N, C-alpha and C. Protein backbone atom coordinates (compact mmCIF):
# COMPACT_ATOMS: atom_id res chain seq x y z
N MET A 1 0.03 7.50 21.30
CA MET A 1 0.31 6.49 20.79
C MET A 1 1.87 6.38 21.04
N GLY A 2 3.20 4.97 20.75
CA GLY A 2 4.33 5.47 20.10
C GLY A 2 5.21 5.89 19.75
N GLU A 3 6.04 6.44 20.34
CA GLU A 3 6.94 7.50 19.25
C GLU A 3 7.59 6.67 17.84
N TRP A 4 7.60 5.04 17.83
CA TRP A 4 7.33 4.32 17.23
C TRP A 4 6.59 4.48 15.42
N ALA A 5 5.30 4.48 16.13
CA ALA A 5 4.09 4.03 15.13
C ALA A 5 4.09 5.91 14.51
N ASP A 6 4.51 6.31 15.43
CA ASP A 6 3.76 8.05 14.88
C ASP A 6 5.28 7.73 13.81
N LEU A 7 6.23 7.35 13.86
CA LEU A 7 7.23 7.35 13.16
C LEU A 7 7.01 6.71 11.96
N MET A 8 5.80 5.63 11.53
CA MET A 8 5.16 4.13 11.43
C MET A 8 5.04 5.35 9.91
N GLN A 9 4.36 6.78 10.38
CA GLN A 9 4.01 7.37 9.43
C GLN A 9 4.58 7.80 7.49
N TRP A 10 5.44 7.77 8.10
CA TRP A 10 6.32 8.03 6.77
C TRP A 10 7.37 6.60 6.37
N PRO A 11 7.81 5.85 6.54
CA PRO A 11 7.45 5.17 5.32
C PRO A 11 6.73 4.07 4.87
N ALA A 12 4.97 4.77 5.59
CA ALA A 12 3.81 4.30 4.55
C ALA A 12 4.21 5.02 3.52
N PHE A 13 4.28 6.67 4.16
CA PHE A 13 4.19 7.56 3.21
C PHE A 13 5.00 7.37 1.95
N ALA A 14 6.14 7.39 1.71
CA ALA A 14 6.46 7.06 1.14
C ALA A 14 6.31 6.19 0.58
N ALA A 15 6.41 4.97 1.00
CA ALA A 15 6.06 3.59 0.06
C ALA A 15 4.48 3.85 -1.28
N SER A 16 3.66 4.43 -0.34
CA SER A 16 2.72 4.97 -1.13
C SER A 16 3.10 5.32 -3.29
N VAL A 17 3.12 6.48 -2.17
CA VAL A 17 4.07 7.43 -3.55
C VAL A 17 4.23 6.47 -4.03
N ALA A 18 6.09 5.97 -3.57
CA ALA A 18 6.83 4.67 -4.67
C ALA A 18 6.17 4.46 -5.10
N ALA A 19 4.95 4.07 -4.70
CA ALA A 19 3.90 2.56 -5.92
C ALA A 19 3.06 3.16 -7.11
N ALA A 20 2.52 3.95 -6.70
CA ALA A 20 1.61 5.23 -7.54
C ALA A 20 2.75 5.11 -9.12
N TRP A 21 4.28 5.64 -8.47
CA TRP A 21 5.22 5.93 -9.09
C TRP A 21 5.34 4.47 -10.10
N LEU A 22 5.13 3.70 -9.10
CA LEU A 22 5.83 2.16 -10.30
C LEU A 22 4.67 2.24 -10.88
N VAL A 23 3.28 1.82 -10.50
CA VAL A 23 2.38 1.48 -11.79
C VAL A 23 1.72 2.76 -11.96
N GLY A 24 2.80 3.73 -12.09
CA GLY A 24 2.27 3.97 -14.05
C GLY A 24 3.36 4.28 -14.80
N SER A 25 4.11 3.40 -14.45
CA SER A 25 5.11 2.78 -15.24
C SER A 25 5.08 2.38 -16.69
N LYS A 26 5.18 2.63 -17.76
CA LYS A 26 4.91 1.95 -18.93
C LYS A 26 6.06 0.94 -18.85
N SER A 27 6.83 -0.02 -17.51
CA SER A 27 6.85 -1.50 -18.77
C SER A 27 6.05 -2.12 -16.97
N GLU A 28 5.83 -2.78 -17.53
CA GLU A 28 5.08 -3.97 -16.91
C GLU A 28 5.75 -4.14 -15.49
N GLN A 29 7.01 -4.63 -15.56
CA GLN A 29 7.58 -5.36 -14.33
C GLN A 29 7.89 -4.25 -13.08
N ARG A 30 7.81 -3.25 -13.44
CA ARG A 30 7.79 -1.91 -12.33
C ARG A 30 6.01 -1.90 -12.57
N ARG A 31 5.45 -1.92 -12.84
CA ARG A 31 3.70 -1.92 -12.25
C ARG A 31 3.62 -3.13 -11.86
N ASN A 32 3.83 -4.53 -11.60
CA ASN A 32 3.45 -5.11 -11.11
C ASN A 32 4.36 -5.17 -9.48
N THR A 33 5.48 -4.19 -9.40
CA THR A 33 6.50 -4.29 -8.69
C THR A 33 5.28 -3.08 -7.90
N GLY A 34 4.89 -2.05 -8.13
CA GLY A 34 4.15 -1.15 -7.66
C GLY A 34 2.64 -2.31 -6.36
N PHE A 35 2.38 -2.64 -7.55
CA PHE A 35 0.76 -3.51 -6.79
C PHE A 35 1.84 -3.98 -5.09
N TRP A 36 3.22 -4.35 -4.92
CA TRP A 36 3.14 -5.62 -3.94
C TRP A 36 3.59 -4.32 -3.35
N VAL A 37 3.98 -3.44 -4.23
CA VAL A 37 4.24 -2.29 -2.95
C VAL A 37 3.19 -0.92 -2.72
N PHE A 38 2.43 -1.40 -2.81
CA PHE A 38 1.17 -0.56 -2.24
C PHE A 38 0.67 -1.53 -1.21
N LEU A 39 0.49 -3.09 -1.71
CA LEU A 39 0.08 -4.33 -0.06
C LEU A 39 0.89 -3.27 0.32
N ALA A 40 2.54 -3.84 0.37
CA ALA A 40 3.13 -3.33 1.65
C ALA A 40 2.95 -1.64 2.40
N SER A 41 2.19 -0.81 1.24
CA SER A 41 2.62 0.41 1.80
C SER A 41 0.92 0.24 3.09
N ASN A 42 -0.14 -0.60 2.53
CA ASN A 42 -1.15 -0.90 2.88
C ASN A 42 -0.97 -1.59 4.55
N VAL A 43 -0.28 -2.60 3.93
CA VAL A 43 -0.27 -2.63 5.91
C VAL A 43 0.36 -1.99 6.73
N LEU A 44 1.77 -1.53 5.65
CA LEU A 44 2.75 0.07 7.47
C LEU A 44 2.11 0.77 7.63
N TRP A 45 0.55 1.21 6.86
CA TRP A 45 -0.88 2.36 7.08
C TRP A 45 -1.63 1.62 8.14
N VAL A 46 -1.90 0.69 7.86
CA VAL A 46 -2.26 -0.14 8.94
C VAL A 46 -2.00 -1.14 10.72
N CYS A 47 -0.61 -0.29 10.36
CA CYS A 47 0.38 0.11 11.98
C CYS A 47 0.18 0.68 12.37
N TRP A 48 -0.07 1.59 11.50
CA TRP A 48 0.37 3.08 11.92
C TRP A 48 -1.60 3.28 13.01
N GLY A 49 -2.24 3.25 11.98
CA GLY A 49 -4.28 3.30 12.44
C GLY A 49 -3.26 2.33 13.90
N ILE A 50 -3.66 1.28 13.84
CA ILE A 50 -3.90 1.17 14.80
C ILE A 50 -3.56 1.49 15.63
N PRO A 51 -2.10 1.96 16.69
CA PRO A 51 -2.14 2.05 17.55
C PRO A 51 -2.74 4.13 17.57
N ALA A 52 -3.23 4.41 16.42
CA ALA A 52 -4.06 6.07 16.51
C ALA A 52 -4.94 5.33 16.52
N GLY A 53 -5.92 4.98 16.11
CA GLY A 53 -7.09 4.78 16.89
C GLY A 53 -7.87 4.89 15.15
N ALA A 54 -7.22 5.16 14.44
CA ALA A 54 -7.47 5.82 12.79
C ALA A 54 -8.22 5.01 12.43
N LYS A 55 -9.49 4.26 13.07
CA LYS A 55 -10.11 3.53 11.95
C LYS A 55 -10.62 3.41 10.90
N ALA A 56 -10.98 4.72 10.56
CA ALA A 56 -10.97 4.93 8.76
C ALA A 56 -9.94 4.45 7.72
N VAL A 57 -9.08 5.38 8.02
CA VAL A 57 -6.82 4.84 7.91
C VAL A 57 -7.34 3.26 7.59
N ILE A 58 -7.85 2.77 9.00
CA ILE A 58 -7.39 0.79 8.85
C ILE A 58 -8.19 0.51 7.59
N ALA A 59 -10.20 0.79 7.75
CA ALA A 59 -10.87 0.41 7.27
C ALA A 59 -10.29 1.04 5.18
N LEU A 60 -9.58 1.79 5.09
CA LEU A 60 -9.53 2.27 3.83
C LEU A 60 -8.31 1.07 3.28
N GLN A 61 -7.60 0.99 4.05
CA GLN A 61 -6.28 0.61 3.85
C GLN A 61 -6.57 -1.82 3.37
N VAL A 62 -7.39 -1.79 4.06
CA VAL A 62 -8.07 -2.54 4.13
C VAL A 62 -8.89 -3.13 2.45
N CYS A 63 -9.29 -1.97 2.12
CA CYS A 63 -9.91 -1.76 0.29
C CYS A 63 -9.00 -1.71 -0.12
N LEU A 64 -8.32 -0.76 0.54
CA LEU A 64 -7.22 -0.56 -1.24
C LEU A 64 -6.51 -1.79 -1.26
N ALA A 65 -5.71 -2.30 -0.03
CA ALA A 65 -5.21 -4.10 -0.16
C ALA A 65 -6.43 -4.63 -1.09
N VAL A 66 -7.93 -4.94 -1.16
CA VAL A 66 -7.94 -6.11 -1.64
C VAL A 66 -8.02 -5.50 -2.89
N MET A 67 -8.60 -3.95 -4.04
CA MET A 67 -8.01 -3.89 -4.90
C MET A 67 -6.60 -4.68 -5.47
N ASN A 68 -5.51 -3.49 -4.96
CA ASN A 68 -4.11 -3.98 -5.06
C ASN A 68 -4.12 -5.43 -5.85
N VAL A 69 -4.66 -6.45 -4.54
CA VAL A 69 -4.41 -8.24 -4.22
C VAL A 69 -6.23 -8.37 -7.05
N ARG A 70 -7.28 -7.48 -6.34
CA ARG A 70 -7.45 -8.12 -7.36
C ARG A 70 -6.70 -7.65 -9.14
N GLY A 71 -6.11 -6.31 -8.68
CA GLY A 71 -5.02 -6.09 -9.85
C GLY A 71 -4.13 -6.95 -9.61
N LEU A 72 -3.02 -7.99 -9.15
CA LEU A 72 -2.36 -8.33 -9.65
C LEU A 72 -3.32 -9.95 -9.98
N ILE A 73 -3.73 -10.22 -9.58
CA ILE A 73 -4.35 -10.92 -10.53
C ILE A 73 -5.17 -10.72 -11.75
N LYS A 74 -5.59 -9.95 -12.71
CA LYS A 74 -5.53 -9.40 -13.34
C LYS A 74 -4.65 -9.09 -14.19
N ALA A 75 -3.49 -8.62 -13.66
CA ALA A 75 -1.90 -8.54 -13.91
C ALA A 75 -1.54 -10.34 -14.68
N LYS A 76 -2.13 -11.12 -13.84
CA LYS A 76 -1.15 -12.65 -14.18
C LYS A 76 -2.48 -13.28 -15.01
N GLU A 77 -3.87 -12.48 -15.46
CA GLU A 77 -4.42 -13.20 -15.57
C GLU A 77 -4.28 -12.43 -17.83
N ALA A 78 -4.00 -11.50 -17.31
CA ALA A 78 -3.38 -10.53 -19.00
C ALA A 78 -1.96 -11.25 -19.31
N GLU A 79 -1.64 -11.93 -18.85
CA GLU A 79 -0.16 -12.69 -19.07
C GLU A 79 0.19 -13.16 -20.29
């Protein structure tokens, strides 16, 4: 795996942690931002998982992305 791909896991990790922090906020705007940051982390993990051959990580991130989109839709409906 290339060095760039190996380094990709750290921004993915940071985005995942930041998103979890934001989603746990009392602020509606921060929670909504958290869903978008989670989606970005899903993309980063997939970008890391493809060259790493981490099929389970890729599948997990696709499932989590679907749940994040569901969360965005439900948040929009609640407005």
